[in-house]
Amino acid sequence: MVRRIFALCASGLGPCKIARILQEEKIITPAMYVYQQSGIIHTYLNMDKPCAWSNRTISGILEHEEYIGTTVNCRGYIPSFKSKKQRKNSPENWLRFENTHEPLIDRETWDIVQKVRQGKRRPNKTGEQDMLSGLVECETCGTKH
């Protein structure tokens, strides 16, 4: 399923459209799959809608470097031994170890998908894409609009 999601994204589809395709094909979500295999109930498990894919789930899959054979550590940290709450670490502080396991996705597909995701171009209300869509960056935070 992961290979298929990457292939759909590489062909130009966004997370919302991919999620819609998987829902129409009645493919169960990763949380439901884990529940069926092990009985563990995940936070996002919806027993009433086992095929309810979200664009966040698809985006998460498309961003996980583990699919290209890289192990990523230190995504989070605990600021103090007194605190039990974990905080997110910024991606530049993550520790990456390449080629630690067999990749599920080849590097070429990964690079295509990351390039497609960086150049997101959303249509406006009339269904057309603005010629500057995805090219204009916010001066403060750097996000593309």
C-alpha atoms as a PDB file:
ATOM      1  CA  MET A   1       0.000   0.000   0.000  1.00  0.00           C
ATOM      2  CA  VAL A   2       2.884   2.380   0.782  1.00  0.00           C
ATOM      3  CA  ARG A   3       4.354   1.834  -2.689  1.00  0.00           C
ATOM      4  CA  ARG A   4       0.969   2.592  -4.229  1.00  0.00           C
ATOM      5  CA  ILE A   5       0.571   5.795  -2.200  1.00  0.00           C
ATOM      6  CA  PHE A   6       4.004   6.975  -3.346  1.00  0.00           C
ATOM      7  CA  ALA A   7       3.189   6.083  -6.964  1.00  0.00           C
ATOM      8  CA  LEU A   8      -0.089   8.023  -6.831  1.00  0.00           C
ATOM      9  CA  CYS A   9       1.685  11.060  -5.380  1.00  0.00           C
ATOM     10  CA  ALA A  10       4.515  10.827  -7.931  1.00  0.00           C
ATOM     11  CA  SER A  11       1.855  10.896 -10.666  1.00  0.00           C
ATOM     12  CA  GLY A  12       0.710  14.283  -9.341  1.00  0.00           C
ATOM     13  CA  LEU A  13      -2.126  13.472  -6.916  1.00  0.00           C
ATOM     14  CA  GLY A  14      -2.271  15.208  -3.544  1.00  0.00           C
ATOM     15  CA  PRO A  15      -2.986  13.639  -0.139  1.00  0.00           C
ATOM     16  CA  CYS A  16      -6.729  14.472  -0.251  1.00  0.00           C
ATOM     17  CA  LYS A  17      -7.227  12.803  -3.632  1.00  0.00           C
ATOM     18  CA  ILE A  18      -5.157   9.779  -2.600  1.00  0.00           C
ATOM     19  CA  ALA A  19      -7.208   9.431   0.605  1.00  0.00           C
ATOM     20  CA  ARG A  20     -10.422   9.623  -1.442  1.00  0.00           C
ATOM     21  CA  ILE A  21      -9.185   6.884  -3.809  1.00  0.00           C
ATOM     22  CA  LEU A  22      -8.287   4.567  -0.911  1.00  0.00           C
ATOM     23  CA  GLN A  23     -11.680   5.182   0.734  1.00  0.00           C
ATOM     24  CA  GLU A  24     -13.521   4.410  -2.513  1.00  0.00           C
ATOM     25  CA  GLU A  25     -11.552   1.165  -2.857  1.00  0.00           C
ATOM     26  CA  LYS A  26     -12.434   0.225   0.763  1.00  0.00           C
ATOM     27  CA  ILE A  27      -8.781  -0.075   1.862  1.00  0.00           C
ATOM     28  CA  ILE A  28      -8.521  -0.192   5.658  1.00  0.00           C
ATOM     29  CA  THR A  29      -6.464   2.448   7.466  1.00  0.00           C
ATOM     30  CA  PRO A  30      -3.138   1.653   9.152  1.00  0.00           C
ATOM     31  CA  ALA A  31      -4.762   1.998  12.599  1.00  0.00           C
ATOM     32  CA  MET A  32      -7.431  -0.565  11.672  1.00  0.00           C
ATOM     33  CA  TYR A  33      -4.786  -2.896  10.245  1.00  0.00           C
ATOM     34  CA  VAL A  34      -2.809  -2.778  13.514  1.00  0.00           C
ATOM     35  CA  TYR A  35      -6.008  -3.447  15.456  1.00  0.00           C
ATOM     36  CA  GLN A  36      -6.876  -6.462  13.283  1.00  0.00           C
ATOM     37  CA  GLN A  37      -3.358  -7.889  13.552  1.00  0.00           C
ATOM     38  CA  SER A  38      -2.611  -7.290  17.234  1.00  0.00           C
ATOM     39  CA  GLY A  39      -5.745  -6.036  18.962  1.00  0.00           C
ATOM     40  CA  ILE A  40      -4.004  -2.794  19.937  1.00  0.00           C
ATOM     41  CA  ILE A  41      -6.316   0.206  19.777  1.00  0.00           C
ATOM     42  CA  HIS A  42      -4.597   3.240  18.280  1.00  0.00           C
ATOM     43  CA  THR A  43      -5.624   6.782  19.199  1.00  0.00           C
ATOM     44  CA  TYR A  44      -6.980   7.522  15.716  1.00  0.00           C
ATOM     45  CA  LEU A  45      -8.848   4.243  15.280  1.00  0.00           C
ATOM     46  CA  ASN A  46     -12.450   4.728  14.182  1.00  0.00           C
ATOM     47  CA  MET A  47     -14.222   1.369  14.468  1.00  0.00           C
ATOM     48  CA  ASP A  48     -17.299   2.704  12.650  1.00  0.00           C
ATOM     49  CA  LYS A  49     -15.279   3.814   9.614  1.00  0.00           C
ATOM     50  CA  PRO A  50     -12.387   1.366   9.075  1.00  0.00           C
ATOM     51  CA  CYS A  51     -11.632   2.814   5.633  1.00  0.00           C
ATOM     52  CA  ALA A  52     -11.727   6.508   6.569  1.00  0.00           C
ATOM     53  CA  TRP A  53      -8.320   7.684   5.340  1.00  0.00           C
ATOM     54  CA  SER A  54      -7.310  11.248   6.149  1.00  0.00           C
ATOM     55  CA  ASN A  55      -4.982  13.520   4.230  1.00  0.00           C
ATOM     56  CA  ARG A  56      -2.828  13.751   7.397  1.00  0.00           C
ATOM     57  CA  THR A  57      -2.270   9.997   7.346  1.00  0.00           C
ATOM     58  CA  ILE A  58      -1.243  10.135   3.691  1.00  0.00           C
ATOM     59  CA  SER A  59       1.029  13.145   4.314  1.00  0.00           C
ATOM     60  CA  GLY A  60       2.657  11.339   7.230  1.00  0.00           C
ATOM     61  CA  ILE A  61       3.381   8.315   5.068  1.00  0.00           C
ATOM     62  CA  LEU A  62       4.853  10.505   2.314  1.00  0.00           C
ATOM     63  CA  GLU A  63       7.171  12.251   4.805  1.00  0.00           C
ATOM     64  CA  HIS A  64       8.550   9.183   6.633  1.00  0.00           C
ATOM     65  CA  GLU A  65      12.178   8.650   5.667  1.00  0.00           C
ATOM     66  CA  GLU A  66      12.063   5.103   7.027  1.00  0.00           C
ATOM     67  CA  TYR A  67      10.607   4.005   3.678  1.00  0.00           C
ATOM     68  CA  ILE A  68      13.928   4.749   1.942  1.00  0.00           C
ATOM     69  CA  GLY A  69      16.002   2.734   4.440  1.00  0.00           C
ATOM     70  CA  THR A  70      16.833   5.568   6.849  1.00  0.00           C
ATOM     71  CA  THR A  71      16.382   5.264  10.603  1.00  0.00           C
ATOM     72  CA  VAL A  72      15.352   8.544  12.218  1.00  0.00           C
ATOM     73  CA  ASN A  73      15.862   9.086  15.962  1.00  0.00           C
ATOM     74  CA  CYS A  74      15.316  12.002  18.355  1.00  0.00           C
ATOM     75  CA  ARG A  75      12.052  13.246  16.831  1.00  0.00           C
ATOM     76  CA  GLY A  76      11.056  14.212  20.355  1.00  0.00           C
ATOM     77  CA  TYR A  77      12.654  15.009  23.692  1.00  0.00           C
ATOM     78  CA  ILE A  78      11.714  15.413  27.342  1.00  0.00           C
ATOM     79  CA  PRO A  79      12.873  18.846  28.581  1.00  0.00           C
ATOM     80  CA  SER A  80      13.317  17.814  32.211  1.00  0.00           C
ATOM     81  CA  PHE A  81      13.416  14.633  34.262  1.00  0.00           C
ATOM     82  CA  LYS A  82      10.525  16.128  36.238  1.00  0.00           C
ATOM     83  CA  SER A  83       8.327  16.348  33.166  1.00  0.00           C
ATOM     84  CA  LYS A  84       6.620  13.349  31.598  1.00  0.00           C
ATOM     85  CA  LYS A  85       5.485  15.321  28.564  1.00  0.00           C
ATOM     86  CA  GLN A  86       7.453  14.851  25.379  1.00  0.00           C
ATOM     87  CA  ARG A  87       8.090  17.806  23.052  1.00  0.00           C
ATOM     88  CA  LYS A  88       8.712  17.699  19.301  1.00  0.00           C
ATOM     89  CA  ASN A  89      12.246  18.247  18.119  1.00  0.00           C
ATOM     90  CA  SER A  90      12.832  20.332  14.985  1.00  0.00           C
ATOM     91  CA  PRO A  91      13.775  18.228  11.917  1.00  0.00           C
ATOM     92  CA  GLU A  92      17.293  19.665  11.780  1.00  0.00           C
ATOM     93  CA  ASN A  93      17.930  18.158  15.258  1.00  0.00           C
ATOM     94  CA  TRP A  94      16.808  14.647  14.259  1.00  0.00           C
ATOM     95  CA  LEU A  95      19.485  11.977  14.008  1.00  0.00           C
ATOM     96  CA  ARG A  96      19.402  10.174  10.655  1.00  0.00           C
ATOM     97  CA  PHE A  97      21.154   6.886   9.916  1.00  0.00           C
ATOM     98  CA  GLU A  98      21.029   5.959   6.238  1.00  0.00           C
ATOM     99  CA  ASN A  99      20.917   2.434   4.782  1.00  0.00           C
ATOM    100  CA  THR A 100      20.070   0.723   8.084  1.00  0.00           C
ATOM    101  CA  HIS A 101      17.431  -1.526   6.504  1.00  0.00           C
ATOM    102  CA  GLU A 102      16.007  -2.599   3.164  1.00  0.00           C
ATOM    103  CA  PRO A 103      14.191   0.359   1.541  1.00  0.00           C
ATOM    104  CA  LEU A 104      10.555  -0.019   0.574  1.00  0.00           C
ATOM    105  CA  ILE A 105      10.679   2.972  -1.797  1.00  0.00           C
ATOM    106  CA  ASP A 106      13.557   3.651  -4.177  1.00  0.00           C
ATOM    107  CA  ARG A 107      15.438   6.934  -3.855  1.00  0.00           C
ATOM    108  CA  GLU A 108      14.290   8.205  -7.265  1.00  0.00           C
ATOM    109  CA  THR A 109      10.588   7.863  -6.362  1.00  0.00           C
ATOM    110  CA  TRP A 110      11.251   9.466  -2.961  1.00  0.00           C
ATOM    111  CA  ASP A 111      12.939  12.476  -4.585  1.00  0.00           C
ATOM    112  CA  ILE A 112      10.107  12.888  -7.119  1.00  0.00           C
ATOM    113  CA  VAL A 113       7.470  12.784  -4.365  1.00  0.00           C
ATOM    114  CA  GLN A 114       9.346  15.285  -2.180  1.00  0.00           C
ATOM    115  CA  LYS A 115       9.724  17.655  -5.141  1.00  0.00           C
ATOM    116  CA  VAL A 116       6.003  17.317  -5.968  1.00  0.00           C
ATOM    117  CA  ARG A 117       5.067  17.983  -2.328  1.00  0.00           C
ATOM    118  CA  GLN A 118       7.283  21.067  -2.105  1.00  0.00           C
ATOM    119  CA  GLY A 119       5.679  22.613  -5.165  1.00  0.00           C
ATOM    120  CA  LYS A 120       2.075  22.231  -3.998  1.00  0.00           C
ATOM    121  CA  ARG A 121      -0.223  24.237  -6.230  1.00  0.00           C
ATOM    122  CA  ARG A 122      -3.788  24.468  -5.031  1.00  0.00           C
ATOM    123  CA  PRO A 123      -6.642  25.543  -7.280  1.00  0.00           C
ATOM    124  CA  ASN A 124      -8.738  28.572  -6.297  1.00  0.00           C
ATOM    125  CA  LYS A 125     -12.536  28.635  -5.932  1.00  0.00           C
ATOM    126  CA  THR A 126     -13.073  28.669  -9.689  1.00  0.00           C
ATOM    127  CA  GLY A 127     -10.949  25.521 -10.083  1.00  0.00           C
ATOM    128  CA  GLU A 128      -8.020  27.300 -11.742  1.00  0.00           C
ATOM    129  CA  GLN A 129      -4.504  27.551 -10.376  1.00  0.00           C
ATOM    130  CA  ASP A 130      -3.106  31.007  -9.838  1.00  0.00           C
ATOM    131  CA  MET A 131       0.117  31.526 -11.782  1.00  0.00           C
ATOM    132  CA  LEU A 132       1.994  32.428  -8.564  1.00  0.00           C
ATOM    133  CA  SER A 133       0.484  29.601  -6.500  1.00  0.00           C
ATOM    134  CA  GLY A 134       3.198  27.712  -4.651  1.00  0.00           C
ATOM    135  CA  LEU A 135       5.852  30.250  -5.613  1.00  0.00           C
ATOM    136  CA  VAL A 136       5.194  33.149  -3.212  1.00  0.00           C
ATOM    137  CA  GLU A 137       6.773  32.717   0.233  1.00  0.00           C
ATOM    138  CA  CYS A 138       5.843  34.368   3.514  1.00  0.00           C
ATOM    139  CA  GLU A 139       8.649  36.711   4.571  1.00  0.00           C
ATOM    140  CA  THR A 140       8.254  35.793   8.255  1.00  0.00           C
ATOM    141  CA  CYS A 141       7.841  32.007   8.337  1.00  0.00           C
ATOM    142  CA  GLY A 142       8.892  30.958   4.818  1.00  0.00           C
ATOM    143  CA  THR A 143       5.740  28.976   3.975  1.00  0.00           C
ATOM    144  CA  LYS A 144       4.635  28.955   0.349  1.00  0.00           C
ATOM    145  CA  HIS A 145       1.206  30.288  -0.605  1.00  0.00           C
END
